[in-house]
Every structure is written in structure tokens, then in C-alpha cells.
Amino acid sequence: MIELKQICKRFGQRWAVEDLSLQVPKGEIYGLLGHNGAGKSTAIGMMLGQVWPTTGEIRVCGYDVTSHRSRALQRVGAIFESPAFYDYLSGRRNLEILSSYTAPTSDQRISEVVEWVGLRGRESSKVRTYSHGMRARLALAQALLPNPELLILDEPSDGLDPEGIHEMRHTILRLHKELGLTILLSSHLLNEVEQLCTRIAVLNGGVKVFEGSLAETKQHKNWAHLKVNDFTAATQHLLGAKLIADTRDGHLIALTNGSGTHEVAKVLIGLGFALYEIGPFEETLENFYLELMNPSKAVALKASSPAGHSSRN
């Protein structure tokens, strides 16, 4: 549904996105992650034809966005940046006006999307009386008006309270399941991404540092929790014995292929260390993400990844 090939975008002397390539297959809920300024919104702006790439190719729904924008976006709905509404008009009237800018939309379709996003009964109220969560649902209703096959959502839960985040999550899952939509969303709420997405890409400084399934983020390394009287000395021995490949946070060890916690325990006890605790550590998306954002890890990843080798010159 979305294919980016070696996309670069420069603003003045600053490269906002460098050699970004990714694919969003039909039927996925795909997450685009990264800190503020990582290039997520720039990438989405280019997908929607609102930001022109410096170099590279962008195809959406099979069409090149730069040369066939109207065809590429014909079946695309989006929430991008901060949606603006007429506060003195009703939610329904807003949808009528906004839809008229692109293509006529029937009253029946407007009623359908109002029902889908949970605004039934409040569509006649003026938008100025809406809560932040209701405004977010109205923005989602606007994105659904063209009966899209693809939804692109830039921070759809931004600013919502826990109840609003919960409602938005379940609405997105329902749209994906019942309407069969392909959904790309950017978010900094890692717990939400973990519950929503099937695949993710992570940007750091405009460069893609990871792309893969959620399952792959948990299989990246075989981490174990280790509590011992001298973690630094113990892990030096384990690295020398090639039982572990890495350490993290003063209590985590990455086991090498073929080694297990029982072997680590046996070696440490044999060397006279006081072993208090050792066991498997369940990787989370948050742990994986924070490791990617570690400056020393990020430099290594950029150097080793094809995404890190710029062809902009």
C-alpha cells in the first residue's frame, strides 16, 4: 500500500530524512516510531504529497505520489498534524463542509462515519463543546469520509487522557478488523504501538534504524536478568568465555547463541561470585526502542545498516 525508495528531504542545510526506504503491506497496522524531530511527520507529509521529497520515489496505493497525487490519494484517509474545525458549527456540519472540498459525500456516509467513531448523539452539538477526545474522533470521522483503503494517522492519541487513548485504540482495531483497512500510524506512545501494530519502523535523526515485526523486536537479543555481587567483574569473565554478547543497565546480559542461564550460573559460582538471581528477561518494545536510541548503539546501527549509507550526493 505504501512504498518508499531511498527518500531524502532537506530543509536548507538540514537533512530531515535520509535514504528512507520502507514498505507497508496491505492489511497491516504499521507503526512509525521515533523521537520528536526524528523525521516521522516529514515522512508522512511526503506520503500525502504535502511535502516534496528532495530525492527518491514514493508510491501509495500503486501510484507515484509526486506525478499522480490525486490517484495515489483517492482511497486514502489521514489525520495529519493538528486538524482544524469550525468551532461555531456542529460536528456534522464540519464534516459536510470538509468533505465538499474534495468530493461530494452523501448524508448516509456521514451518518455511517459518525456511528463508526462513536459520535452518535453529539454530531449536532457545536464543536466548541467537544472534549479533546471527541475532537480526535471527529478528525478520525473526517479521515473515513472517502471510504479509504488506507488510513494514515499522525499521533492519533496525542493529548488524550487514558480513557481517550483506550477508546482510540479500540476504534483503530475495530476499523482494521471490520473494514479491512491498512493503517499506518506514527506515535510516541510505545505501549499503544505494542498493542496495535504488526510491524514497525524506527527513525533516529532522519535515518531508519530498524524495520521489522513486533516479534522481531523481542527476539533481537536473548536477554537475561543477572543479580550478582560484582556485575562488572562477573560480566567481564562471561564476555571472555563467550557466554554473553552484551550487557545493559547494570543487570541485564545478552546470552550468546547456544548458551543458557544454567551455564552462566555454573561458571559464576565456580569463580566464587555470589549469585543472587538469574533468569530470563522478557523484552518489551520500550526496552528495544530505548536501546536503539542509545547514542553509541545508534552510531553502530547507522554504520552497519544500509539505511545509514547516504546516496544523497
Protein backbone atom coordinates (compact mmCIF):
# COMPACT_ATOMS: atom_id res chain seq x y z
CA MET A 1 0.00 0.00 0.00
CA ILE A 2 2.94 2.33 0.70
CA GLU A 3 6.43 2.04 -0.75
CA LEU A 4 9.26 4.49 -0.12
CA LYS A 5 12.53 4.09 -2.02
CA GLN A 6 15.60 5.99 -0.84
CA ILE A 7 13.65 9.08 0.14
CA CYS A 8 15.65 12.14 1.20
CA LYS A 9 14.32 15.51 2.30
CA ARG A 10 16.45 18.56 3.01
CA PHE A 11 15.29 21.82 4.58
CA GLY A 12 18.04 24.35 3.92
CA GLN A 13 21.25 22.70 5.14
CA ARG A 14 19.44 20.19 7.38
CA TRP A 15 18.55 16.69 6.22
CA ALA A 16 15.22 15.81 7.86
CA VAL A 17 15.03 12.37 6.22
CA GLU A 18 17.95 10.40 4.75
CA ASP A 19 17.72 7.41 2.39
CA LEU A 20 14.45 6.18 3.87
CA SER A 21 13.09 3.00 2.31
CA LEU A 22 10.14 1.08 3.73
CA GLN A 23 7.12 -0.93 2.68
CA VAL A 24 3.66 -1.08 4.26
CA PRO A 25 1.89 -4.25 3.01
CA LYS A 26 -1.88 -4.38 2.54
CA GLY A 27 -3.76 -5.29 5.72
CA GLU A 28 -1.04 -4.24 8.20
CA ILE A 29 -1.23 -1.90 11.14
CA TYR A 30 2.22 -0.37 10.72
CA GLY A 31 3.89 1.84 13.32
CA LEU A 32 6.35 4.65 12.58
CA LEU A 33 8.36 5.45 15.72
CA GLY A 34 10.96 8.00 16.72
CA HIS A 35 11.68 10.95 18.98
CA ASN A 36 10.36 14.43 18.18
CA GLY A 37 12.36 15.64 15.18
CA ALA A 38 13.20 12.11 14.03
CA GLY A 39 11.53 12.68 10.66
CA LYS A 40 8.17 10.92 11.18
CA SER A 41 5.93 13.85 10.27
CA THR A 42 8.15 14.80 7.34
CA ALA A 43 7.91 11.24 6.01
CA ILE A 44 4.11 11.24 6.38
CA GLY A 45 3.89 14.67 4.75
CA MET A 46 5.75 13.25 1.74
CA MET A 47 3.42 10.23 1.59
CA LEU A 48 0.47 12.64 1.45
CA GLY A 49 2.03 14.88 -1.19
CA GLN A 50 2.17 17.85 1.19
CA VAL A 51 5.97 17.82 1.42
CA TRP A 52 8.04 17.38 -1.74
CA PRO A 53 10.95 14.91 -1.48
CA THR A 54 14.42 16.14 -2.41
CA THR A 55 15.21 12.75 -3.95
CA GLY A 56 13.61 9.30 -4.03
CA GLU A 57 10.35 7.65 -5.03
CA ILE A 58 7.06 7.41 -3.11
CA ARG A 59 4.23 5.13 -4.22
CA VAL A 60 0.87 4.99 -2.41
CA CYS A 61 -1.86 2.55 -3.49
CA GLY A 62 0.27 1.71 -6.53
CA TYR A 63 0.70 5.28 -7.82
CA ASP A 64 3.64 7.67 -7.68
CA VAL A 65 2.63 10.48 -5.32
CA THR A 66 4.76 13.14 -7.00
CA SER A 67 3.38 12.56 -10.51
CA HIS A 68 -0.12 11.14 -9.84
CA ARG A 69 -1.07 12.59 -6.46
CA SER A 70 -4.86 12.57 -6.95
CA ARG A 71 -4.88 8.89 -7.98
CA ALA A 72 -2.46 7.89 -5.23
CA LEU A 73 -4.57 9.53 -2.52
CA GLN A 74 -8.03 8.76 -3.91
CA ARG A 75 -8.65 5.98 -1.33
CA VAL A 76 -6.54 7.42 1.48
CA GLY A 77 -7.81 8.98 4.70
CA ALA A 78 -5.47 10.85 7.02
CA ILE A 79 -5.08 12.70 10.29
CA PHE A 80 -2.00 14.87 9.79
CA GLU A 81 -0.67 17.44 12.24
CA SER A 82 -3.45 19.32 14.11
CA PRO A 83 -6.88 19.01 12.44
CA ALA A 84 -8.75 22.34 12.28
CA PHE A 85 -12.51 22.64 12.66
CA TYR A 86 -15.11 25.41 12.70
CA ASP A 87 -15.83 25.60 16.43
CA TYR A 88 -19.09 27.53 15.97
CA LEU A 89 -20.59 24.80 13.75
CA SER A 90 -21.78 21.32 14.62
CA GLY A 91 -19.63 18.25 14.15
CA ARG A 92 -21.87 17.07 11.33
CA ARG A 93 -21.80 20.43 9.55
CA ASN A 94 -18.00 20.39 9.79
CA LEU A 95 -17.93 17.00 8.08
CA GLU A 96 -20.27 18.25 5.34
CA ILE A 97 -18.10 21.30 4.64
CA LEU A 98 -14.77 19.46 4.81
CA SER A 99 -15.99 16.70 2.50
CA SER A 100 -17.15 19.28 -0.06
CA TYR A 101 -13.52 20.37 -0.52
CA THR A 102 -12.66 17.01 -2.11
CA ALA A 103 -15.76 15.13 -3.29
CA PRO A 104 -19.49 15.20 -2.52
CA THR A 105 -20.38 12.87 0.35
CA SER A 106 -23.86 11.52 0.97
CA ASP A 107 -25.76 12.09 4.21
CA GLN A 108 -25.79 8.33 4.65
CA ARG A 109 -21.98 8.14 4.51
CA ILE A 110 -21.63 10.95 7.04
CA SER A 111 -24.03 9.14 9.36
CA GLU A 112 -22.02 5.93 8.94
CA VAL A 113 -18.71 7.51 9.94
CA VAL A 114 -20.32 9.33 12.86
CA GLU A 115 -21.51 5.93 14.08
CA TRP A 116 -18.10 4.33 13.47
CA VAL A 117 -16.21 6.84 15.62
CA GLY A 118 -18.73 6.92 18.45
CA LEU A 119 -20.14 10.43 17.99
CA ARG A 120 -23.75 9.35 17.55
CA GLY A 121 -25.92 11.72 19.59
CA ARG A 122 -23.33 14.52 19.65
CA GLU A 123 -22.97 15.18 15.93
CA SER A 124 -25.43 18.10 16.17
CA SER A 125 -23.53 19.77 19.03
CA LYS A 126 -21.18 22.64 18.26
CA VAL A 127 -17.54 21.60 18.11
CA ARG A 128 -16.58 24.16 20.74
CA THR A 129 -18.45 21.98 23.27
CA TYR A 130 -16.42 18.88 22.34
CA SER A 131 -13.78 17.42 24.62
CA HIS A 132 -10.30 16.76 23.25
CA GLY A 133 -11.23 13.11 22.81
CA MET A 134 -14.37 14.00 20.84
CA ARG A 135 -12.33 16.28 18.58
CA ALA A 136 -9.95 13.37 17.95
CA ARG A 137 -12.92 11.17 16.99
CA LEU A 138 -14.24 13.92 14.70
CA ALA A 139 -10.82 14.06 13.00
CA LEU A 140 -10.99 10.29 12.52
CA ALA A 141 -14.50 10.64 11.08
CA GLN A 142 -13.17 13.15 8.55
CA ALA A 143 -10.40 10.69 7.57
CA LEU A 144 -13.02 7.97 7.00
CA LEU A 145 -15.28 10.06 4.74
CA PRO A 146 -13.66 9.00 1.41
CA ASN A 147 -14.25 5.32 2.28
CA PRO A 148 -10.49 4.71 2.34
CA GLU A 149 -8.50 1.54 1.91
CA LEU A 150 -5.54 3.16 3.68
CA LEU A 151 -5.55 5.29 6.84
CA ILE A 152 -2.50 7.41 7.72
CA LEU A 153 -2.65 8.67 11.30
CA ASP A 154 -0.06 11.09 12.69
CA GLU A 155 -0.10 10.83 16.52
CA PRO A 156 -3.83 9.92 16.71
CA SER A 157 -3.78 9.68 20.54
CA ASP A 158 -1.74 12.83 21.15
CA GLY A 159 -3.05 14.80 24.11
CA LEU A 160 -5.76 12.29 25.05
CA ASP A 161 -6.37 11.15 28.61
CA PRO A 162 -6.09 7.42 29.44
CA GLU A 163 -9.78 6.84 28.68
CA GLY A 164 -9.48 8.63 25.34
CA ILE A 165 -6.35 6.65 24.43
CA HIS A 166 -8.20 3.42 25.26
CA GLU A 167 -11.17 4.42 23.09
CA MET A 168 -8.95 5.47 20.17
CA ARG A 169 -7.03 2.18 20.35
CA HIS A 170 -10.17 0.08 20.21
CA THR A 171 -11.62 2.20 17.40
CA ILE A 172 -8.46 1.69 15.31
CA LEU A 173 -8.51 -2.07 15.96
CA ARG A 174 -12.21 -2.25 15.02
CA LEU A 175 -11.64 -0.32 11.78
CA HIS A 176 -8.79 -2.65 10.89
CA LYS A 177 -10.75 -5.80 11.67
CA GLU A 178 -14.20 -4.95 10.38
CA LEU A 179 -13.35 -2.71 7.42
CA GLY A 180 -10.09 -4.41 6.48
CA LEU A 181 -8.19 -1.12 6.42
CA THR A 182 -4.44 -0.86 6.09
CA ILE A 183 -3.27 1.60 8.76
CA LEU A 184 -0.01 3.49 9.17
CA LEU A 185 0.33 5.42 12.40
CA SER A 186 3.11 7.43 13.96
CA SER A 187 3.23 7.58 17.72
CA HIS A 188 5.50 8.14 20.69
CA LEU A 189 3.22 6.02 22.92
CA LEU A 190 5.15 2.77 22.81
CA ASN A 191 2.61 0.81 24.84
CA GLU A 192 -0.09 1.71 22.33
CA VAL A 193 2.10 0.74 19.39
CA GLU A 194 2.82 -2.60 21.05
CA GLN A 195 -0.92 -3.29 21.36
CA LEU A 196 -1.85 -2.06 17.89
CA CYS A 197 0.87 -2.72 15.35
CA THR A 198 2.02 -5.79 13.49
CA ARG A 199 5.15 -4.17 12.03
CA ILE A 200 7.19 -1.07 12.89
CA ALA A 201 9.95 1.15 11.57
CA VAL A 202 12.08 3.26 13.91
CA LEU A 203 13.64 6.57 12.82
CA ASN A 204 16.53 8.27 14.59
CA GLY A 205 17.79 11.59 13.26
CA GLY A 206 16.01 11.06 9.94
CA VAL A 207 17.57 7.63 9.41
CA LYS A 208 15.76 4.29 9.65
CA VAL A 209 17.49 2.21 12.34
CA PHE A 210 15.04 -0.69 12.39
CA GLU A 211 12.19 -2.16 10.35
CA GLY A 212 10.50 -5.45 11.18
CA SER A 213 7.74 -7.24 13.01
CA LEU A 214 6.90 -6.78 16.68
CA ALA A 215 8.04 -10.36 17.22
CA GLU A 216 11.49 -9.46 15.89
CA THR A 217 11.89 -6.70 18.48
CA LYS A 218 11.57 -9.32 21.19
CA GLN A 219 13.96 -11.75 19.54
CA HIS A 220 16.67 -9.19 18.79
CA LYS A 221 18.79 -10.49 21.67
CA ASN A 222 18.33 -13.23 24.24
CA TRP A 223 18.45 -11.10 27.39
CA ALA A 224 18.62 -12.45 30.93
CA HIS A 225 18.44 -10.72 34.30
CA LEU A 226 21.54 -11.17 36.48
CA LYS A 227 21.97 -10.10 40.09
CA VAL A 228 25.45 -10.77 41.42
CA ASN A 229 27.79 -9.22 43.98
CA ASP A 230 30.04 -7.63 41.30
CA PHE A 231 28.22 -7.23 37.99
CA THR A 232 31.12 -5.57 36.15
CA ALA A 233 33.71 -8.21 37.09
CA ALA A 234 31.28 -11.08 36.53
CA THR A 235 30.30 -9.92 33.04
CA GLN A 236 33.94 -9.43 32.06
CA HIS A 237 34.51 -13.12 32.77
CA LEU A 238 31.34 -14.08 30.88
CA LEU A 239 32.33 -11.98 27.85
CA GLY A 240 35.76 -13.61 27.88
CA ALA A 241 34.16 -17.05 28.00
CA LYS A 242 31.84 -16.00 25.13
CA LEU A 243 28.76 -16.93 27.15
CA ILE A 244 27.33 -13.42 26.71
CA ALA A 245 27.50 -10.91 23.86
CA ASP A 246 26.43 -7.70 25.59
CA THR A 247 25.32 -6.11 28.87
CA ARG A 248 22.81 -3.40 29.69
CA ASP A 249 21.53 -1.30 32.57
CA GLY A 250 23.76 -2.89 35.19
CA HIS A 251 21.65 -6.02 35.49
CA LEU A 252 20.99 -7.44 32.01
CA ILE A 253 23.13 -9.82 29.97
CA ALA A 254 22.62 -10.89 26.34
CA LEU A 255 23.29 -14.61 26.06
CA THR A 256 25.18 -15.85 23.02
CA ASN A 257 23.60 -18.44 20.75
CA GLY A 258 23.74 -21.84 22.40
CA SER A 259 24.44 -20.60 25.93
CA GLY A 260 21.90 -20.63 28.76
CA THR A 261 21.40 -19.23 32.22
CA HIS A 262 22.39 -22.55 33.81
CA GLU A 263 25.83 -22.38 32.16
CA VAL A 264 26.28 -18.76 33.27
CA ALA A 265 25.32 -19.68 36.84
CA LYS A 266 27.71 -22.63 36.89
CA VAL A 267 30.66 -20.50 35.69
CA LEU A 268 29.98 -17.65 38.11
CA ILE A 269 29.60 -19.93 41.11
CA GLY A 270 32.76 -21.78 40.09
CA LEU A 271 34.62 -18.47 40.04
CA GLY A 272 33.43 -17.64 43.54
CA PHE A 273 30.87 -14.93 42.73
CA ALA A 274 27.85 -14.56 44.99
CA LEU A 275 24.93 -15.22 42.65
CA TYR A 276 21.64 -13.83 43.99
CA GLU A 277 19.37 -14.12 40.98
CA ILE A 278 19.42 -15.12 37.31
CA GLY A 279 16.56 -15.73 34.90
CA PRO A 280 15.03 -14.88 31.51
CA PHE A 281 14.19 -11.25 30.83
CA GLU A 282 11.11 -10.54 28.69
CA GLU A 283 11.97 -7.88 26.15
CA THR A 284 9.41 -5.11 25.61
CA LEU A 285 9.10 -2.63 22.78
CA GLU A 286 10.10 0.11 25.22
CA ASN A 287 13.34 -1.67 26.14
CA PHE A 288 14.10 -2.38 22.49
CA TYR A 289 13.35 1.21 21.47
CA LEU A 290 15.48 2.74 24.24
CA GLU A 291 18.38 0.52 23.26
CA LEU A 292 18.08 1.72 19.65
CA MET A 293 18.06 5.33 20.86
CA ASN A 294 21.24 4.80 22.92
CA PRO A 295 23.76 7.12 21.15
CA SER A 296 26.56 4.55 20.98
CA LYS A 297 24.17 1.84 19.74
CA ALA A 298 22.61 4.22 17.20
CA VAL A 299 26.00 5.10 15.70
CA ALA A 300 26.83 1.41 15.32
CA LEU A 301 23.43 0.65 13.81
CA LYS A 302 23.70 3.52 11.31
CA ALA A 303 27.13 2.36 10.25
CA SER A 304 26.03 -1.26 9.76
CA SER A 305 22.61 -0.62 8.24
CA PRO A 306 22.02 0.02 4.52
CA ALA A 307 19.74 2.85 5.71
CA GLY A 308 22.76 4.56 7.19
CA HIS A 309 24.72 4.83 3.92
CA SER A 310 23.58 8.02 2.25
CA SER A 311 23.39 8.29 -1.51
CA ARG A 312 22.18 11.89 -1.49
CA ASN A 313 25.42 13.10 -3.08
